């Protein structure tokens, strides 16, 4: 279990740095929001969700679906609270700016889901 957690955490950190570097290079800091804070939020959120699912899996393995769904709602809610000035701003965001907000969310959602699916396959 500990080795699996170390692999997942290191994989998430590598993807975090690589994706941030690529998007920062492409957008060249012309975004109305902080790209660094966006990636930091998603990286921390994915780590919290995965480690929470590991904990639930060890204590209550039959409740994993409910725990994951709850954590997703909390993650989306916290994201909206923290980035509401960027999402609901008076000026409309351009398409690249909107994609810049959505791409990290789906990237880390896919990684999170794949890691949890791998965890479930092992059981």
C-alpha atoms as a PDB file:
ATOM      1  CA  UNK A   1       0.000   0.000   0.000  1.00  0.00           C
ATOM      2  CA  UNK A   2       2.738   2.508   0.885  1.00  0.00           C
ATOM      3  CA  UNK A   3       4.670   1.847  -2.315  1.00  0.00           C
ATOM      4  CA  UNK A   4       1.521   2.411  -4.385  1.00  0.00           C
ATOM      5  CA  UNK A   5       0.890   5.745  -2.657  1.00  0.00           C
ATOM      6  CA  UNK A   6       4.459   6.896  -3.309  1.00  0.00           C
ATOM      7  CA  UNK A   7       4.132   5.986  -7.010  1.00  0.00           C
ATOM      8  CA  UNK A   8       0.816   7.807  -7.372  1.00  0.00           C
ATOM      9  CA  UNK A   9       2.025  10.919  -5.539  1.00  0.00           C
ATOM     10  CA  UNK A  10       5.212  11.084  -7.608  1.00  0.00           C
ATOM     11  CA  UNK A  11       3.225  10.559 -10.834  1.00  0.00           C
ATOM     12  CA  UNK A  12       0.830  13.365  -9.895  1.00  0.00           C
ATOM     13  CA  UNK A  13       3.741  15.698  -9.132  1.00  0.00           C
ATOM     14  CA  UNK A  14       5.444  14.914 -12.451  1.00  0.00           C
ATOM     15  CA  UNK A  15       2.228  15.539 -14.384  1.00  0.00           C
ATOM     16  CA  UNK A  16       1.631  18.728 -12.390  1.00  0.00           C
ATOM     17  CA  UNK A  17       5.033  20.168 -13.265  1.00  0.00           C
ATOM     18  CA  UNK A  18       4.911  19.047 -16.907  1.00  0.00           C
ATOM     19  CA  UNK A  19       1.373  20.296 -17.570  1.00  0.00           C
ATOM     20  CA  UNK A  20       2.011  23.605 -15.825  1.00  0.00           C
ATOM     21  CA  UNK A  21       5.224  24.137 -17.800  1.00  0.00           C
ATOM     22  CA  UNK A  22       3.536  23.378 -21.112  1.00  0.00           C
ATOM     23  CA  UNK A  23       0.505  25.584 -20.462  1.00  0.00           C
ATOM     24  CA  UNK A  24       2.656  28.396 -19.080  1.00  0.00           C
ATOM     25  CA  UNK A  25       4.848  28.254 -22.188  1.00  0.00           C
ATOM     26  CA  UNK A  26       1.852  28.235 -24.541  1.00  0.00           C
ATOM     27  CA  UNK A  27      -0.099  31.024 -22.838  1.00  0.00           C
ATOM     28  CA  UNK A  28       2.980  33.108 -21.922  1.00  0.00           C
ATOM     29  CA  UNK A  29       1.310  34.489 -18.747  1.00  0.00           C
ATOM     30  CA  UNK A  30      -1.430  36.342 -20.643  1.00  0.00           C
ATOM     31  CA  UNK A  31      -4.226  34.942 -18.472  1.00  0.00           C
ATOM     32  CA  UNK A  32      -6.574  36.920 -16.195  1.00  0.00           C
ATOM     33  CA  UNK A  33      -6.018  34.363 -13.416  1.00  0.00           C
ATOM     34  CA  UNK A  34      -3.000  32.791 -11.774  1.00  0.00           C
ATOM     35  CA  UNK A  35      -2.028  29.635 -13.604  1.00  0.00           C
ATOM     36  CA  UNK A  36       0.299  28.669 -10.761  1.00  0.00           C
ATOM     37  CA  UNK A  37      -2.531  28.842  -8.193  1.00  0.00           C
ATOM     38  CA  UNK A  38      -4.814  26.886 -10.522  1.00  0.00           C
ATOM     39  CA  UNK A  39      -2.376  24.005 -10.905  1.00  0.00           C
ATOM     40  CA  UNK A  40      -1.444  24.101  -7.241  1.00  0.00           C
ATOM     41  CA  UNK A  41      -5.111  23.791  -6.287  1.00  0.00           C
ATOM     42  CA  UNK A  42      -5.704  20.846  -8.612  1.00  0.00           C
ATOM     43  CA  UNK A  43      -2.523  19.084  -7.517  1.00  0.00           C
ATOM     44  CA  UNK A  44      -3.355  19.396  -3.828  1.00  0.00           C
ATOM     45  CA  UNK A  45      -6.994  18.464  -4.421  1.00  0.00           C
ATOM     46  CA  UNK A  46      -6.064  15.298  -6.333  1.00  0.00           C
ATOM     47  CA  UNK A  47      -3.655  14.276  -3.592  1.00  0.00           C
ATOM     48  CA  UNK A  48      -6.291  14.847  -0.894  1.00  0.00           C
ATOM     49  CA  UNK A  49      -8.940  12.922  -2.826  1.00  0.00           C
ATOM     50  CA  UNK A  50      -6.629   9.998  -3.571  1.00  0.00           C
ATOM     51  CA  UNK A  51      -5.292   9.730  -0.032  1.00  0.00           C
ATOM     52  CA  UNK A  52      -8.843   9.965   1.327  1.00  0.00           C
ATOM     53  CA  UNK A  53      -9.962   7.169  -0.977  1.00  0.00           C
ATOM     54  CA  UNK A  54      -7.004   5.061   0.190  1.00  0.00           C
ATOM     55  CA  UNK A  55      -8.098   5.656   3.788  1.00  0.00           C
ATOM     56  CA  UNK A  56     -11.745   4.834   3.056  1.00  0.00           C
ATOM     57  CA  UNK A  57     -10.655   1.738   1.149  1.00  0.00           C
ATOM     58  CA  UNK A  58      -8.769   0.452   4.182  1.00  0.00           C
ATOM     59  CA  UNK A  59     -11.618   1.180   6.639  1.00  0.00           C
ATOM     60  CA  UNK A  60     -14.880   0.910   4.636  1.00  0.00           C
ATOM     61  CA  UNK A  61     -14.238  -0.596   1.189  1.00  0.00           C
ATOM     62  CA  UNK A  62     -17.960  -0.849   0.374  1.00  0.00           C
ATOM     63  CA  UNK A  63     -18.386   2.934   0.677  1.00  0.00           C
ATOM     64  CA  UNK A  64     -15.797   3.998  -1.901  1.00  0.00           C
ATOM     65  CA  UNK A  65     -18.334   5.200  -4.452  1.00  0.00           C
ATOM     66  CA  UNK A  66     -20.089   7.462  -1.974  1.00  0.00           C
ATOM     67  CA  UNK A  67     -16.807   8.817  -0.662  1.00  0.00           C
ATOM     68  CA  UNK A  68     -15.527   9.580  -4.165  1.00  0.00           C
ATOM     69  CA  UNK A  69     -18.758  11.294  -5.189  1.00  0.00           C
ATOM     70  CA  UNK A  70     -18.762  13.397  -2.033  1.00  0.00           C
ATOM     71  CA  UNK A  71     -15.144  14.386  -2.505  1.00  0.00           C
ATOM     72  CA  UNK A  72     -15.847  15.405  -6.123  1.00  0.00           C
ATOM     73  CA  UNK A  73     -18.669  17.718  -5.050  1.00  0.00           C
ATOM     74  CA  UNK A  74     -16.484  19.234  -2.338  1.00  0.00           C
ATOM     75  CA  UNK A  75     -13.604  19.674  -4.795  1.00  0.00           C
ATOM     76  CA  UNK A  76     -15.808  21.434  -7.359  1.00  0.00           C
ATOM     77  CA  UNK A  77     -17.365  23.617  -4.658  1.00  0.00           C
ATOM     78  CA  UNK A  78     -14.003  24.698  -3.271  1.00  0.00           C
ATOM     79  CA  UNK A  79     -12.753  25.367  -6.807  1.00  0.00           C
ATOM     80  CA  UNK A  80     -15.713  27.642  -7.505  1.00  0.00           C
ATOM     81  CA  UNK A  81     -15.240  29.441  -4.182  1.00  0.00           C
ATOM     82  CA  UNK A  82     -11.535  30.043  -4.727  1.00  0.00           C
ATOM     83  CA  UNK A  83     -11.714  30.991  -8.400  1.00  0.00           C
ATOM     84  CA  UNK A  84     -15.101  32.714  -8.494  1.00  0.00           C
ATOM     85  CA  UNK A  85     -13.564  36.049  -9.464  1.00  0.00           C
ATOM     86  CA  UNK A  86     -12.062  34.422 -12.565  1.00  0.00           C
ATOM     87  CA  UNK A  87     -15.087  32.326 -13.447  1.00  0.00           C
ATOM     88  CA  UNK A  88     -17.834  34.875 -12.801  1.00  0.00           C
ATOM     89  CA  UNK A  89     -15.994  38.058 -13.751  1.00  0.00           C
ATOM     90  CA  UNK A  90     -17.719  41.009 -15.414  1.00  0.00           C
ATOM     91  CA  UNK A  91     -15.601  40.655 -18.522  1.00  0.00           C
ATOM     92  CA  UNK A  92     -16.191  37.547 -20.562  1.00  0.00           C
ATOM     93  CA  UNK A  93     -13.261  35.189 -20.774  1.00  0.00           C
ATOM     94  CA  UNK A  94     -11.970  34.363 -24.211  1.00  0.00           C
ATOM     95  CA  UNK A  95     -12.023  30.772 -25.414  1.00  0.00           C
ATOM     96  CA  UNK A  96      -8.309  30.145 -24.660  1.00  0.00           C
ATOM     97  CA  UNK A  97      -8.785  31.568 -21.158  1.00  0.00           C
ATOM     98  CA  UNK A  98     -11.802  29.319 -20.548  1.00  0.00           C
ATOM     99  CA  UNK A  99      -9.897  26.315 -21.864  1.00  0.00           C
ATOM    100  CA  UNK A 100      -7.038  27.233 -19.571  1.00  0.00           C
ATOM    101  CA  UNK A 101      -9.406  26.851 -16.616  1.00  0.00           C
ATOM    102  CA  UNK A 102     -11.016  23.621 -17.798  1.00  0.00           C
ATOM    103  CA  UNK A 103      -8.024  21.678 -19.136  1.00  0.00           C
ATOM    104  CA  UNK A 104      -6.265  21.250 -15.757  1.00  0.00           C
ATOM    105  CA  UNK A 105      -9.548  20.199 -14.147  1.00  0.00           C
ATOM    106  CA  UNK A 106     -10.160  17.407 -16.643  1.00  0.00           C
ATOM    107  CA  UNK A 107      -6.502  16.406 -16.787  1.00  0.00           C
ATOM    108  CA  UNK A 108      -6.359  15.834 -13.048  1.00  0.00           C
ATOM    109  CA  UNK A 109      -9.833  14.286 -13.014  1.00  0.00           C
ATOM    110  CA  UNK A 110      -8.668  11.670 -15.525  1.00  0.00           C
ATOM    111  CA  UNK A 111      -5.504  10.981 -13.528  1.00  0.00           C
ATOM    112  CA  UNK A 112      -7.459  10.730 -10.291  1.00  0.00           C
ATOM    113  CA  UNK A 113     -10.025   8.371 -11.798  1.00  0.00           C
ATOM    114  CA  UNK A 114      -7.348   6.163 -13.359  1.00  0.00           C
ATOM    115  CA  UNK A 115      -5.451   5.869 -10.064  1.00  0.00           C
ATOM    116  CA  UNK A 116      -8.615   5.016  -8.146  1.00  0.00           C
ATOM    117  CA  UNK A 117      -9.661   2.482 -10.799  1.00  0.00           C
ATOM    118  CA  UNK A 118      -6.251   0.845 -10.486  1.00  0.00           C
ATOM    119  CA  UNK A 119      -6.716   0.739  -6.707  1.00  0.00           C
ATOM    120  CA  UNK A 120     -10.086  -0.949  -7.117  1.00  0.00           C
ATOM    121  CA  UNK A 121      -8.720  -3.515  -9.583  1.00  0.00           C
ATOM    122  CA  UNK A 122      -6.146  -4.630  -7.038  1.00  0.00           C
ATOM    123  CA  UNK A 123      -8.822  -5.603  -4.536  1.00  0.00           C
END
